Amino acid sequence: MFYKYRNVNLCGEQLIGKRLEFLSLLSKGENPILLNISSEAGSIRNCPRSKEFHYCMSKAAMNMGSMLLQNYLKEKDNKIKVLAIHPGWIRTDMGGANADLDPLEVAEDILALTKMPHDINGPIYMDRFGKELEW
């Protein structure tokens, strides 16, 4: 089970993020953002969970990967901003019917967040409204 989460949350992020042709195209945008869908489960300091080890560990790794990728891009003088966004508990196959958020509403919030200016040296890990989360 761990490999499934790792492949999606860590390997996928790094495969896309380090593709030079992708980065070249993305950097031509007006406000280029590489967005990773993270989770509060990836916070080491504020994780209230006592199970779901695979999921939580893979999201923590994704958050670190996001920070490393941002540092890599800064070294290359690239203006792409990397964000790791906690979307909330969403009514999806994974979140279940009892989740409190509608997927369309969350998507609209995240889209609005990507349209805001982001400082290349500013926060990376945040909720869907732009509130910084603790690592």
Protein backbone atom coordinates (compact mmCIF):
# COMPACT_ATOMS: atom_id res chain seq x y z
CA MET A 1 0.00 0.00 0.00
CA PHE A 2 2.85 2.41 0.81
CA TYR A 3 4.23 2.15 -2.73
CA LYS A 4 0.87 3.19 -4.19
CA TYR A 5 0.79 6.38 -2.11
CA ARG A 6 4.51 7.01 -2.62
CA ASN A 7 4.21 6.70 -6.39
CA VAL A 8 1.33 9.19 -6.54
CA ASN A 9 2.38 11.71 -3.89
CA LEU A 10 6.14 11.72 -4.28
CA CYS A 11 7.36 10.13 -7.48
CA GLY A 12 4.70 11.76 -9.63
CA GLU A 13 5.52 15.18 -8.24
CA GLN A 14 9.23 14.78 -8.90
CA LEU A 15 8.78 13.28 -12.36
CA ILE A 16 6.68 16.24 -13.48
CA GLY A 17 8.58 18.91 -11.57
CA LYS A 18 12.02 18.07 -12.93
CA ARG A 19 10.96 17.75 -16.59
CA LEU A 20 12.90 20.55 -18.26
CA GLU A 21 10.52 20.92 -21.19
CA PHE A 22 7.57 21.21 -18.78
CA LEU A 23 9.37 23.78 -16.65
CA SER A 24 10.35 25.75 -19.74
CA LEU A 25 6.74 26.00 -20.89
CA LEU A 26 5.41 26.75 -17.41
CA SER A 27 7.95 29.52 -16.78
CA LYS A 28 6.63 31.45 -19.79
CA GLY A 29 3.35 32.09 -17.97
CA GLU A 30 2.48 35.37 -16.29
CA ASN A 31 2.19 33.87 -12.78
CA PRO A 32 3.66 30.36 -13.12
CA ILE A 33 2.69 27.97 -10.34
CA LEU A 34 3.44 24.29 -9.90
CA LEU A 35 0.70 23.12 -7.56
CA ASN A 36 0.79 19.92 -5.53
CA ILE A 37 -2.33 18.71 -3.72
CA SER A 38 -1.03 18.00 -0.24
CA SER A 39 -2.89 17.52 3.05
CA GLU A 40 -2.84 18.51 6.69
CA ALA A 41 -1.79 14.88 7.09
CA GLY A 42 1.63 15.91 5.76
CA SER A 43 2.28 18.22 8.71
CA ILE A 44 4.67 16.69 11.21
CA ARG A 45 4.03 19.34 13.85
CA ASN A 46 0.22 19.36 13.68
CA CYS A 47 -0.83 15.90 12.60
CA PRO A 48 -3.63 14.69 14.89
CA ARG A 49 -3.85 11.28 13.20
CA SER A 50 -2.81 8.00 14.78
CA LYS A 51 -3.17 5.78 11.72
CA GLU A 52 -3.13 6.05 7.93
CA PHE A 53 0.66 5.79 8.07
CA HIS A 54 1.14 5.35 4.33
CA TYR A 55 -0.94 8.37 3.39
CA CYS A 56 0.51 10.69 6.04
CA MET A 57 4.11 9.70 5.35
CA SER A 58 3.71 10.14 1.59
CA LYS A 59 2.16 13.61 2.05
CA ALA A 60 5.01 14.66 4.37
CA ALA A 61 7.43 13.48 1.68
CA MET A 62 5.48 15.44 -0.93
CA ASN A 63 5.81 18.58 1.18
CA MET A 64 9.57 18.11 1.43
CA GLY A 65 9.73 17.45 -2.30
CA SER A 66 7.84 20.68 -2.91
CA MET A 67 10.35 22.64 -0.82
CA LEU A 68 13.33 21.00 -2.51
CA LEU A 69 11.87 21.70 -5.94
CA GLN A 70 11.27 25.37 -5.01
CA ASN A 71 14.89 25.66 -3.87
CA TYR A 72 16.06 24.01 -7.11
CA LEU A 73 14.02 26.45 -9.20
CA LYS A 74 15.34 29.45 -7.24
CA GLU A 75 18.92 28.29 -7.89
CA LYS A 76 18.12 28.27 -11.61
CA ASP A 77 16.66 31.80 -11.38
CA ASN A 78 13.31 30.40 -12.42
CA LYS A 79 10.20 32.37 -11.45
CA ILE A 80 7.96 29.31 -10.98
CA LYS A 81 6.31 29.21 -7.54
CA VAL A 82 5.74 25.78 -6.01
CA LEU A 83 2.70 25.36 -3.74
CA ALA A 84 1.63 22.39 -1.60
CA ILE A 85 -2.06 22.92 -0.91
CA HIS A 86 -4.24 21.26 1.73
CA PRO A 87 -7.67 21.31 0.07
CA GLY A 88 -9.72 20.18 3.08
CA TRP A 89 -11.92 17.12 3.54
CA ILE A 90 -13.64 16.70 0.19
CA ARG A 91 -16.58 14.51 -0.84
CA THR A 92 -14.76 12.17 -3.21
CA ASP A 93 -14.24 8.42 -3.41
CA MET A 94 -11.37 8.84 -0.96
CA GLY A 95 -12.99 11.46 1.30
CA GLY A 96 -16.35 9.71 1.42
CA ALA A 97 -19.92 10.96 1.49
CA ASN A 98 -19.57 12.42 5.01
CA ALA A 99 -16.83 14.87 4.00
CA ASP A 100 -17.87 18.47 4.46
CA LEU A 101 -16.62 20.05 1.21
CA ASP A 102 -17.94 20.00 -2.33
CA PRO A 103 -15.23 19.22 -4.93
CA LEU A 104 -16.32 22.05 -7.24
CA GLU A 105 -16.19 24.61 -4.42
CA VAL A 106 -12.69 23.47 -3.47
CA ALA A 107 -11.53 23.58 -7.09
CA GLU A 108 -12.80 27.17 -7.38
CA ASP A 109 -10.96 28.15 -4.18
CA ILE A 110 -7.71 26.60 -5.43
CA LEU A 111 -8.08 28.25 -8.84
CA ALA A 112 -8.56 31.63 -7.12
CA LEU A 113 -5.45 30.94 -5.02
CA THR A 114 -3.36 30.28 -8.14
CA LYS A 115 -4.39 33.64 -9.59
CA MET A 116 -3.00 35.53 -6.59
CA PRO A 117 0.60 36.79 -6.76
CA HIS A 118 3.01 34.60 -4.78
CA ASP A 119 6.47 35.56 -3.58
CA ILE A 120 9.09 33.05 -4.71
CA ASN A 121 10.50 33.20 -1.16
CA GLY A 122 7.09 33.09 0.52
CA PRO A 123 5.17 30.20 2.05
CA ILE A 124 4.70 26.96 0.12
CA TYR A 125 2.52 24.83 2.40
CA MET A 126 -0.95 26.32 2.86
CA ASP A 127 -4.67 25.66 2.87
CA ARG A 128 -6.92 26.37 -0.11
CA PHE A 129 -7.39 29.98 1.02
CA GLY A 130 -3.65 30.74 1.25
CA LYS A 131 -3.27 30.44 5.03
CA GLU A 132 0.20 29.12 5.76
CA LEU A 133 0.35 25.73 7.49
CA GLU A 134 3.07 24.49 9.82
CA TRP A 135 5.38 21.84 8.47
